[in-house]
Amino acid sequence: MRTFDVVVIGAGPGGYVAAIYAAHHGCKTALISKQKDLGGTCLNRGCIPSKALITSAEVHRTITQEAQKHGIEVAGPVKVHYDKMSARKDQVIQTMQSGLRTTIVSHEVELIDGLASFESQTRIRVQSDSGTEMIDTQFIIIATGSEVSPFPAIPFDDTHILSSTSILELKELPKTLAVIGGGYIGCEIACMMRGLGVEVTIIEALDKIIKPVGDSPSAQLTESLKSMGIRLELEKRVTGYSIQSGQVELNLDNSQKIQAEKVLVAIGRRPFTEGLKLEKAGVFTNPRGFIQVNEQMRTNIPNIFAIGDVNGVFMLAHAASYQGKVAVDAIFNKNRYFDPKLVPQVIFTKPEIAVVGTLEGAKQIFPYGANGKAVASAKTLGTITVYYDEKTKVVHGVEIVGEQATTMIAIATIYLTQELTLDTFDTTIFAHPTYAEAMVEPFEMVLDKQIHFPKKKKQKVALV
């Protein structure tokens, strides 16, 4: 029987970061995962493959819709070979997975191929093709992630009714696509498919798409989707369906019917704990199945931690990675905590959307159209908004809608994490011309010290 200081179950962006970080602390560390799943959902079925396809769709959109206004004429029809596009996506996954394996091993983390389950609070059973192995350890970090939430009214068949996983495995583009769910996954896929010429309809039960991100991003994205020709059916619920002659007909709760060649169901994700046998370790879960943790990712069992989607605190890959470090630091009694307010949320739609912090209080908006790089690039759709306390001028949050928003939000995240004050923002030198230099403008506008936007008009006081 082998023994380790730390065993991490699951090799997604939470698990492999936790394992490498534990190794940095001198721990004898094991990372248990099926080798074909190295990188987790993010690398194999989510973030990376979807962004590979989104990038390809953006190339197509640039050629077919934007080239002409730059004085470039494309002669003849532009053909999309989606099978080749998909093959490129698969190659990206293989390249990154190979690099990840090399990186993990280089940090002296023991990679164990198999499925893990609890035997006790300190013993793990690993089932692999070669048999069963028992492993003893002092600390355990659960990082098994999440899986697609099913929709009982429309079960997946991965042919006509697709999940966010199976839609990324298509080798041929559909002519029409219906997306059930107007969250970030549904909207990203909708933009990608529309960019490749697919007719897309989004069906959302709420009154807004991407509603949790905020009203302004939702409104701006709604306007953009409509301009692209994406049909929105808001405050509608799907009650049933039928399939005839290769077409899916969806029944809505207002008796409306929508037909599409393929249907994507993107209504959320649920924790993946199947086969873990958490009861043998006494680990508590909440009514929705998420493992309960405190601010240091510790479960009710002191030596067992849970990070990433499986705890439901913040279901994003980069949140999982940070939580991995928080958990390892807790093992060494270091006071690092996870603050959800400091997690940037990014959506790779058109335009891109990114928010961090709390979107409340007074606000100041800077339009992309006042940024030189945006104008030169013909990418002026969007805004940067800072939310702050009107009396103290303390910044609560930042919201970016527009080109490169998902990259620029890092600047705002640093501002909030370091608790910088408004009068320190102009001490950073930004390169020109870039989108990034626009980040300082709304902060300066709060103090009416902006450089690249007209000064506020002061109200005239009437003389008596």
Protein backbone atom coordinates (compact mmCIF):
# COMPACT_ATOMS: atom_id res chain seq x y z
CA MET A 1 0.00 0.00 0.00
CA ARG A 2 1.36 3.41 -1.01
CA THR A 3 1.10 6.44 1.26
CA PHE A 4 1.05 10.13 0.40
CA ASP A 5 0.86 13.44 2.23
CA VAL A 6 -1.83 14.78 -0.11
CA VAL A 7 -4.11 12.99 -2.56
CA VAL A 8 -6.10 15.04 -5.08
CA ILE A 9 -9.10 13.41 -6.76
CA GLY A 10 -9.75 14.90 -10.20
CA ALA A 11 -7.29 16.53 -12.63
CA GLY A 12 -9.23 19.53 -13.88
CA PRO A 13 -8.06 23.13 -13.45
CA GLY A 14 -8.71 22.87 -9.73
CA GLY A 15 -7.17 19.46 -9.15
CA TYR A 16 -3.94 19.74 -11.08
CA VAL A 17 -3.23 23.23 -9.68
CA ALA A 18 -3.80 21.95 -6.13
CA ALA A 19 -1.53 18.96 -6.73
CA ILE A 20 1.32 21.03 -8.20
CA TYR A 21 0.96 23.65 -5.45
CA ALA A 22 1.07 20.92 -2.78
CA ALA A 23 4.23 19.54 -4.37
CA HIS A 24 5.74 23.03 -4.19
CA HIS A 25 5.23 22.82 -0.42
CA GLY A 26 7.25 19.62 -0.25
CA CYS A 27 4.27 17.28 -0.01
CA LYS A 28 4.40 13.79 -1.45
CA THR A 29 1.40 14.24 -3.72
CA ALA A 30 -0.79 11.98 -5.87
CA LEU A 31 -3.25 13.12 -8.51
CA ILE A 32 -5.93 10.55 -9.38
CA SER A 33 -7.74 10.80 -12.70
CA LYS A 34 -8.53 8.80 -15.78
CA GLN A 35 -5.67 9.80 -18.06
CA LYS A 36 -7.99 10.47 -20.99
CA ASP A 37 -9.71 13.06 -18.76
CA LEU A 38 -6.57 14.94 -17.78
CA GLY A 39 -7.48 18.61 -17.72
CA GLY A 40 -11.09 17.91 -16.76
CA THR A 41 -14.16 19.42 -18.36
CA CYS A 42 -12.37 22.71 -19.05
CA LEU A 43 -9.73 21.23 -21.34
CA ASN A 44 -11.66 18.34 -22.85
CA ARG A 45 -15.32 19.38 -23.03
CA GLY A 46 -15.60 23.06 -22.18
CA CYS A 47 -13.38 26.14 -22.08
CA ILE A 48 -10.65 25.14 -24.52
CA PRO A 49 -12.59 23.34 -27.29
CA SER A 50 -15.35 25.95 -27.27
CA LYS A 51 -12.85 28.81 -27.51
CA ALA A 52 -11.03 27.05 -30.35
CA LEU A 53 -14.29 26.91 -32.30
CA ILE A 54 -15.26 30.46 -31.30
CA THR A 55 -11.92 31.68 -32.66
CA SER A 56 -12.52 29.86 -35.95
CA ALA A 57 -16.00 31.36 -36.18
CA GLU A 58 -14.55 34.83 -35.60
CA VAL A 59 -12.13 34.32 -38.51
CA HIS A 60 -15.11 33.45 -40.71
CA ARG A 61 -17.06 36.45 -39.45
CA THR A 62 -14.11 38.77 -40.15
CA ILE A 63 -13.75 37.52 -43.72
CA THR A 64 -17.44 37.53 -44.61
CA GLN A 65 -18.74 40.52 -42.64
CA GLU A 66 -15.90 42.88 -41.80
CA ALA A 67 -13.26 42.60 -44.53
CA GLN A 68 -15.09 44.87 -46.97
CA LYS A 69 -15.15 47.89 -44.65
CA HIS A 70 -11.36 47.57 -44.39
CA GLY A 71 -11.04 47.80 -48.17
CA ILE A 72 -10.59 44.06 -48.65
CA GLU A 73 -12.67 42.25 -51.24
CA VAL A 74 -13.06 38.50 -50.99
CA ALA A 75 -13.79 37.04 -54.40
CA GLY A 76 -16.04 34.00 -54.63
CA PRO A 77 -17.95 32.13 -51.92
CA VAL A 78 -16.33 31.44 -48.54
CA LYS A 79 -16.67 27.76 -47.66
CA VAL A 80 -16.69 26.40 -44.12
CA HIS A 81 -15.20 22.92 -43.72
CA TYR A 82 -16.49 22.25 -40.25
CA ASP A 83 -14.90 18.80 -40.12
CA LYS A 84 -11.49 20.45 -40.48
CA MET A 85 -12.44 23.12 -37.98
CA SER A 86 -13.41 20.38 -35.52
CA ALA A 87 -10.17 18.50 -36.22
CA ARG A 88 -8.20 21.64 -35.38
CA LYS A 89 -10.14 21.88 -32.10
CA ASP A 90 -9.25 18.26 -31.28
CA GLN A 91 -5.59 18.94 -32.03
CA VAL A 92 -5.62 21.89 -29.64
CA ILE A 93 -6.95 19.60 -26.90
CA GLN A 94 -4.34 16.92 -27.57
CA THR A 95 -1.51 19.45 -27.60
CA MET A 96 -2.57 21.01 -24.31
CA GLN A 97 -3.23 17.66 -22.65
CA SER A 98 0.22 16.39 -23.60
CA GLY A 99 1.81 19.56 -22.27
CA LEU A 100 -0.20 19.34 -19.05
CA ARG A 101 0.91 15.74 -18.44
CA THR A 102 4.55 16.74 -18.90
CA THR A 103 4.13 19.71 -16.57
CA ILE A 104 2.47 17.70 -13.78
CA VAL A 105 5.14 14.99 -13.84
CA SER A 106 7.91 17.62 -13.91
CA HIS A 107 6.66 18.89 -10.55
CA GLU A 108 7.06 15.37 -9.10
CA VAL A 109 3.35 14.77 -8.71
CA GLU A 110 2.43 11.08 -8.96
CA LEU A 111 -0.20 10.66 -11.68
CA ILE A 112 -2.47 7.70 -10.94
CA ASP A 113 -4.77 6.47 -13.70
CA GLY A 114 -8.09 5.30 -12.30
CA LEU A 115 -11.34 6.10 -10.52
CA ALA A 116 -11.18 7.03 -6.84
CA SER A 117 -13.62 6.32 -4.01
CA PHE A 118 -13.43 6.71 -0.25
CA GLU A 119 -12.76 3.79 2.05
CA SER A 120 -12.35 6.05 5.10
CA GLN A 121 -11.32 9.58 5.96
CA THR A 122 -7.69 8.74 5.14
CA ARG A 123 -7.89 5.83 2.70
CA ILE A 124 -8.75 5.92 -1.01
CA ARG A 125 -9.62 3.01 -3.28
CA VAL A 126 -8.42 3.38 -6.87
CA GLN A 127 -10.04 1.23 -9.53
CA SER A 128 -8.14 0.99 -12.82
CA ASP A 129 -7.84 -1.32 -15.80
CA SER A 130 -5.02 -3.11 -14.01
CA GLY A 131 -6.98 -3.74 -10.81
CA THR A 132 -7.65 -2.18 -7.41
CA GLU A 133 -5.22 -0.30 -5.20
CA MET A 134 -5.59 1.15 -1.72
CA ILE A 135 -3.85 4.43 -0.95
CA ASP A 136 -3.39 6.03 2.46
CA THR A 137 -2.99 9.76 2.86
CA GLN A 138 -3.00 12.50 5.44
CA PHE A 139 -5.02 15.02 3.43
CA ILE A 140 -7.52 14.66 0.59
CA ILE A 141 -8.67 17.31 -1.87
CA ILE A 142 -11.82 16.51 -3.88
CA ALA A 143 -11.82 18.18 -7.31
CA THR A 144 -14.21 16.04 -9.34
CA GLY A 145 -15.99 18.96 -11.01
CA SER A 146 -19.48 18.94 -12.48
CA GLU A 147 -21.56 17.46 -15.25
CA VAL A 148 -24.31 18.73 -17.52
CA SER A 149 -27.69 19.11 -15.82
CA PRO A 150 -30.33 17.03 -17.58
CA PHE A 151 -33.64 18.50 -18.74
CA PRO A 152 -36.36 15.92 -18.02
CA ALA A 153 -38.73 17.40 -20.59
CA ILE A 154 -36.14 16.89 -23.34
CA PRO A 155 -33.62 14.10 -22.61
CA PHE A 156 -30.29 14.12 -24.41
CA ASP A 157 -29.82 11.75 -27.33
CA ASP A 158 -26.59 13.44 -28.53
CA THR A 159 -27.91 13.30 -32.09
CA HIS A 160 -30.76 15.78 -32.19
CA ILE A 161 -30.88 16.89 -28.54
CA LEU A 162 -27.37 17.99 -27.62
CA SER A 163 -25.57 18.90 -24.41
CA SER A 164 -22.78 21.43 -24.13
CA THR A 165 -20.45 18.44 -24.48
CA SER A 166 -21.94 16.73 -27.52
CA ILE A 167 -22.43 19.94 -29.51
CA LEU A 168 -18.64 20.38 -29.44
CA GLU A 169 -18.28 16.92 -31.01
CA LEU A 170 -20.28 17.69 -34.16
CA LYS A 171 -18.43 17.12 -37.44
CA GLU A 172 -21.01 18.87 -39.60
CA LEU A 173 -22.77 22.20 -39.12
CA PRO A 174 -26.54 22.17 -38.75
CA LYS A 175 -28.55 24.64 -40.80
CA THR A 176 -30.67 25.60 -37.79
CA LEU A 177 -30.08 25.45 -34.03
CA ALA A 178 -32.36 26.08 -31.06
CA VAL A 179 -30.64 26.86 -27.76
CA ILE A 180 -32.56 26.22 -24.55
CA GLY A 181 -31.01 28.48 -21.93
CA GLY A 182 -29.73 32.04 -22.27
CA GLY A 183 -26.85 31.75 -19.85
CA TYR A 184 -23.20 32.20 -20.77
CA ILE A 185 -22.79 28.73 -22.32
CA GLY A 186 -25.90 29.04 -24.46
CA CYS A 187 -25.02 32.56 -25.61
CA GLU A 188 -21.40 31.66 -26.41
CA ILE A 189 -22.43 28.70 -28.55
CA ALA A 190 -25.17 30.77 -30.19
CA CYS A 191 -22.67 33.47 -31.22
CA MET A 192 -20.21 30.87 -32.48
CA MET A 193 -22.81 29.06 -34.58
CA ARG A 194 -24.28 32.27 -35.95
CA GLY A 195 -20.79 33.41 -36.90
CA LEU A 196 -20.60 30.32 -39.11
CA GLY A 197 -23.93 31.05 -40.78
CA VAL A 198 -26.28 28.85 -38.72
CA GLU A 199 -29.80 30.16 -38.06
CA VAL A 200 -30.06 30.36 -34.25
CA THR A 201 -32.94 30.77 -31.78
CA ILE A 202 -32.38 31.20 -28.02
CA ILE A 203 -35.21 30.21 -25.67
CA GLU A 204 -34.89 31.59 -22.13
CA ALA A 205 -37.34 31.21 -19.23
CA LEU A 206 -36.24 34.49 -17.61
CA ASP A 207 -36.95 37.97 -18.92
CA LYS A 208 -33.28 38.57 -19.83
CA ILE A 209 -30.33 36.59 -21.16
CA ILE A 210 -27.23 36.30 -18.91
CA LYS A 211 -29.35 37.93 -16.20
CA PRO A 212 -27.02 37.17 -13.23
CA VAL A 213 -24.22 39.20 -14.85
CA GLY A 214 -26.22 42.44 -14.78
CA ASP A 215 -28.76 44.55 -16.69
CA SER A 216 -26.35 46.56 -18.84
CA PRO A 217 -24.34 43.59 -20.21
CA SER A 218 -27.61 41.76 -20.83
CA ALA A 219 -29.07 44.71 -22.73
CA GLN A 220 -25.95 45.27 -24.83
CA LEU A 221 -25.60 41.59 -25.69
CA THR A 222 -29.31 41.39 -26.52
CA GLU A 223 -28.93 44.24 -28.98
CA SER A 224 -25.86 42.61 -30.53
CA LEU A 225 -27.50 39.19 -30.87
CA LYS A 226 -30.50 40.71 -32.60
CA SER A 227 -28.23 42.63 -34.99
CA MET A 228 -26.56 39.32 -35.87
CA GLY A 229 -29.93 37.79 -36.68
CA ILE A 230 -30.23 35.58 -33.61
CA ARG A 231 -33.84 35.16 -32.59
CA LEU A 232 -34.64 35.57 -28.87
CA GLU A 233 -37.66 34.00 -27.20
CA LEU A 234 -37.66 35.35 -23.63
CA GLU A 235 -39.96 34.33 -20.77
CA LYS A 236 -40.77 31.13 -22.62
CA ARG A 237 -40.49 27.56 -21.34
CA VAL A 238 -40.13 24.38 -23.36
CA THR A 239 -42.75 21.83 -22.34
CA GLY A 240 -42.10 19.02 -24.82
CA TYR A 241 -40.82 18.06 -28.24
CA SER A 242 -41.12 15.71 -31.18
CA ILE A 243 -38.73 14.63 -33.93
CA GLN A 244 -39.89 14.17 -37.49
CA SER A 245 -37.90 13.92 -40.72
CA GLY A 246 -34.68 14.99 -39.01
CA GLN A 247 -36.24 18.11 -37.49
CA VAL A 248 -36.95 18.77 -33.82
CA GLU A 249 -40.16 20.58 -33.00
CA LEU A 250 -40.18 22.26 -29.59
CA ASN A 251 -43.45 23.01 -27.79
CA LEU A 252 -43.40 26.22 -25.72
CA ASP A 253 -45.70 27.04 -22.82
CA ASN A 254 -47.50 29.70 -24.86
CA SER A 255 -48.50 27.07 -27.47
CA GLN A 256 -45.78 28.38 -29.79
CA LYS A 257 -43.73 25.84 -31.75
CA ILE A 258 -40.11 26.19 -32.86
CA GLN A 259 -38.38 23.90 -35.34
CA ALA A 260 -34.65 23.28 -35.62
CA GLU A 261 -32.29 20.66 -36.97
CA LYS A 262 -30.41 20.50 -33.66
CA VAL A 263 -31.30 21.56 -30.12
CA LEU A 264 -28.74 22.54 -27.48
CA VAL A 265 -29.89 22.20 -23.88
CA ALA A 266 -27.75 24.51 -21.74
CA ILE A 267 -29.60 24.99 -18.46
CA GLY A 268 -26.69 24.55 -16.07
CA ARG A 269 -24.44 21.99 -14.42
CA ARG A 270 -24.58 19.81 -11.31
CA PRO A 271 -21.81 18.45 -9.05
CA PHE A 272 -20.16 15.20 -10.07
CA THR A 273 -19.77 12.96 -7.03
CA GLU A 274 -20.95 9.66 -8.51
CA GLY A 275 -18.95 6.72 -7.21
CA LEU A 276 -16.98 8.74 -4.65
CA LYS A 277 -18.80 7.11 -1.70
CA LEU A 278 -18.61 10.27 0.35
CA GLU A 279 -20.68 8.59 3.06
CA LYS A 280 -17.72 6.37 3.98
CA ALA A 281 -15.76 9.49 4.90
CA GLY A 282 -18.74 11.28 6.45
CA VAL A 283 -18.49 14.26 4.09
CA PHE A 284 -21.61 16.45 4.06
CA THR A 285 -23.38 17.70 0.94
CA ASN A 286 -26.18 20.24 0.67
CA PRO A 287 -29.67 19.45 -0.71
CA ARG A 288 -28.44 20.17 -4.27
CA GLY A 289 -25.59 17.66 -3.91
CA PHE A 290 -22.72 20.16 -3.63
CA ILE A 291 -20.06 19.41 -1.02
CA GLN A 292 -20.23 21.90 1.84
CA VAL A 293 -17.05 23.88 2.53
CA ASN A 294 -15.90 26.92 4.49
CA GLU A 295 -13.86 29.90 3.20
CA GLN A 296 -10.73 27.72 3.16
CA MET A 297 -12.44 24.93 1.19
CA ARG A 298 -12.43 22.61 4.20
CA THR A 299 -15.35 20.18 4.51
CA ASN A 300 -16.89 19.07 7.78
CA ILE A 301 -14.05 16.52 7.97
CA PRO A 302 -10.91 18.55 8.90
CA ASN A 303 -8.46 16.70 6.64
CA ILE A 304 -10.74 16.65 3.58
CA PHE A 305 -11.19 19.62 1.25
CA ALA A 306 -13.40 20.20 -1.81
CA ILE A 307 -12.59 22.69 -4.59
CA GLY A 308 -14.10 23.83 -7.86
CA ASP A 309 -17.51 23.02 -9.30
CA VAL A 310 -18.10 20.17 -6.86
CA ASN A 311 -18.59 22.65 -4.00
CA GLY A 312 -20.80 25.00 -6.01
CA VAL A 313 -19.31 28.17 -4.48
CA PHE A 314 -18.28 29.60 -7.86
CA MET A 315 -18.43 27.29 -10.88
CA LEU A 316 -15.61 28.68 -13.02
CA ALA A 317 -12.26 27.11 -13.93
CA HIS A 318 -10.13 29.96 -12.58
CA ALA A 319 -12.12 29.94 -9.33
CA ALA A 320 -11.30 26.25 -8.98
CA SER A 321 -7.59 26.91 -9.56
CA TYR A 322 -7.49 29.59 -6.88
CA GLN A 323 -9.48 27.41 -4.47
CA GLY A 324 -6.84 24.71 -4.95
CA LYS A 325 -4.20 27.06 -3.58
CA VAL A 326 -6.51 28.13 -0.75
CA ALA A 327 -6.99 24.50 0.29
CA VAL A 328 -3.28 23.68 0.27
CA ASP A 329 -2.50 26.84 2.24
CA ALA A 330 -5.10 25.78 4.81
CA ILE A 331 -3.23 22.48 5.23
CA PHE A 332 -0.21 24.55 6.27
CA ASN A 333 -2.32 26.87 8.45
CA LYS A 334 -1.83 29.87 6.16
CA ASN A 335 -4.59 32.47 6.21
CA ARG A 336 -5.65 32.57 2.57
CA TYR A 337 -9.39 32.77 1.91
CA PHE A 338 -11.63 32.59 -1.13
CA ASP A 339 -13.63 35.75 -1.76
CA PRO A 340 -16.26 35.27 -4.51
CA LYS A 341 -16.39 39.04 -5.09
CA LEU A 342 -12.83 38.93 -6.47
CA VAL A 343 -13.57 36.27 -9.11
CA PRO A 344 -13.78 37.75 -12.62
CA GLN A 345 -16.62 36.38 -14.73
CA VAL A 346 -15.96 36.26 -18.46
CA ILE A 347 -18.25 35.47 -21.38
CA PHE A 348 -16.84 34.93 -24.88
CA THR A 349 -19.80 36.27 -26.82
CA LYS A 350 -19.85 39.07 -29.38
CA PRO A 351 -19.22 41.48 -27.79
CA GLU A 352 -17.20 39.91 -25.00
CA ILE A 353 -18.44 40.52 -21.45
CA ALA A 354 -16.51 40.55 -18.18
CA VAL A 355 -17.39 41.62 -14.64
CA VAL A 356 -15.68 41.54 -11.26
CA GLY A 357 -16.75 42.71 -7.83
CA THR A 358 -20.20 43.90 -6.83
CA LEU A 359 -22.20 45.87 -9.38
CA GLU A 360 -23.89 48.26 -6.98
CA GLY A 361 -23.68 51.89 -5.90
CA ALA A 362 -23.00 54.90 -8.10
CA LYS A 363 -21.59 54.19 -11.56
CA GLN A 364 -19.48 55.86 -14.20
CA ILE A 365 -19.44 54.73 -17.83
CA PHE A 366 -16.71 55.16 -20.42
CA PRO A 367 -17.69 54.26 -24.03
CA TYR A 368 -15.41 52.23 -26.29
CA GLY A 369 -16.02 54.83 -29.00
CA ALA A 370 -13.74 57.25 -27.11
CA ASN A 371 -10.78 54.85 -27.30
CA GLY A 372 -8.34 55.28 -30.20
CA LYS A 373 -7.55 51.59 -30.63
CA ALA A 374 -11.26 50.72 -30.73
CA VAL A 375 -11.93 53.34 -33.39
CA ALA A 376 -8.90 52.29 -35.48
CA SER A 377 -9.99 48.65 -35.24
CA ALA A 378 -13.67 49.41 -35.96
CA LYS A 379 -14.58 47.72 -32.66
CA THR A 380 -16.40 50.56 -30.92
CA LEU A 381 -19.35 48.59 -29.54
CA GLY A 382 -19.06 48.47 -25.77
CA THR A 383 -18.57 50.25 -22.46
CA ILE A 384 -16.40 50.13 -19.34
CA THR A 385 -18.39 50.81 -16.16
CA VAL A 386 -17.06 51.33 -12.65
CA TYR A 387 -19.36 50.97 -9.63
CA TYR A 388 -18.34 52.86 -6.49
CA ASP A 389 -19.43 54.37 -3.19
CA GLU A 390 -20.43 57.98 -3.87
CA LYS A 391 -19.19 59.24 -0.49
CA THR A 392 -15.96 57.29 0.03
CA LYS A 393 -15.20 56.69 -3.69
CA VAL A 394 -14.36 53.08 -2.83
CA VAL A 395 -14.70 50.89 -5.92
CA HIS A 396 -17.22 48.06 -5.64
CA GLY A 397 -16.98 46.49 -9.08
CA VAL A 398 -16.14 46.84 -12.75
CA GLU A 399 -18.09 45.72 -15.80
CA ILE A 400 -16.67 45.60 -19.33
CA VAL A 401 -18.63 44.96 -22.51
CA GLY A 402 -16.61 45.00 -25.71
CA GLU A 403 -13.53 43.82 -27.58
CA GLN A 404 -10.90 42.13 -25.35
CA ALA A 405 -13.11 42.55 -22.27
CA THR A 406 -12.16 39.06 -21.07
CA THR A 407 -8.49 40.05 -21.01
CA MET A 408 -8.85 43.58 -19.66
CA ILE A 409 -10.90 42.47 -16.64
CA ALA A 410 -7.59 41.28 -15.13
CA ILE A 411 -6.61 44.93 -14.63
CA ALA A 412 -9.79 45.64 -12.68
CA THR A 413 -9.35 42.43 -10.67
CA ILE A 414 -5.91 43.59 -9.57
CA TYR A 415 -7.35 46.99 -8.63
CA LEU A 416 -10.00 45.38 -6.43
CA THR A 417 -7.74 42.70 -4.97
CA GLN A 418 -5.12 45.26 -3.95
CA GLU A 419 -7.84 47.63 -2.68
CA LEU A 420 -6.37 50.54 -4.62
CA THR A 421 -7.99 53.91 -4.16
CA LEU A 422 -9.39 56.00 -6.99
CA ASP A 423 -6.59 58.56 -6.82
CA THR A 424 -3.91 55.91 -7.47
CA PHE A 425 -5.24 54.59 -10.75
CA ASP A 426 -3.46 57.17 -12.91
CA THR A 427 -0.03 56.11 -11.62
CA THR A 428 0.06 53.16 -14.03
CA ILE A 429 1.47 53.79 -17.51
CA PHE A 430 -0.59 52.04 -20.19
CA ALA A 431 0.73 51.52 -23.72
CA HIS A 432 -0.91 53.50 -26.52
CA PRO A 433 -2.85 52.74 -28.61
CA THR A 434 -4.46 49.82 -26.77
CA TYR A 435 -7.85 48.87 -25.42
CA ALA A 436 -6.26 48.50 -21.98
CA GLU A 437 -5.52 52.22 -21.63
CA ALA A 438 -9.28 52.84 -21.53
CA MET A 439 -9.42 51.07 -18.16
CA VAL A 440 -8.23 54.12 -16.23
CA GLU A 441 -10.74 56.50 -17.85
CA PRO A 442 -13.93 55.67 -15.90
CA PHE A 443 -11.98 55.79 -12.62
CA GLU A 444 -10.68 59.26 -13.48
CA MET A 445 -14.14 60.32 -14.63
CA VAL A 446 -15.47 59.69 -11.13
CA LEU A 447 -13.12 62.48 -9.99
CA ASP A 448 -13.80 64.51 -13.17
CA LYS A 449 -10.11 64.19 -14.08
CA GLN A 450 -10.53 62.23 -17.31
CA ILE A 451 -8.23 63.00 -20.22
CA HIS A 452 -9.92 61.39 -23.23
CA PHE A 453 -13.53 62.30 -22.55
CA PRO A 454 -15.27 65.69 -22.27
CA LYS A 455 -15.35 67.29 -18.86
CA LYS A 456 -18.64 67.22 -16.99
CA LYS A 457 -20.79 70.28 -17.44
CA LYS A 458 -21.13 72.14 -14.17
CA GLN A 459 -24.57 73.45 -13.29
CA LYS A 460 -24.75 77.21 -13.25
CA VAL A 461 -25.92 78.76 -10.01
CA ALA A 462 -28.50 81.48 -10.55
CA LEU A 463 -27.58 84.85 -9.01
CA VAL A 464 -30.21 86.43 -6.81
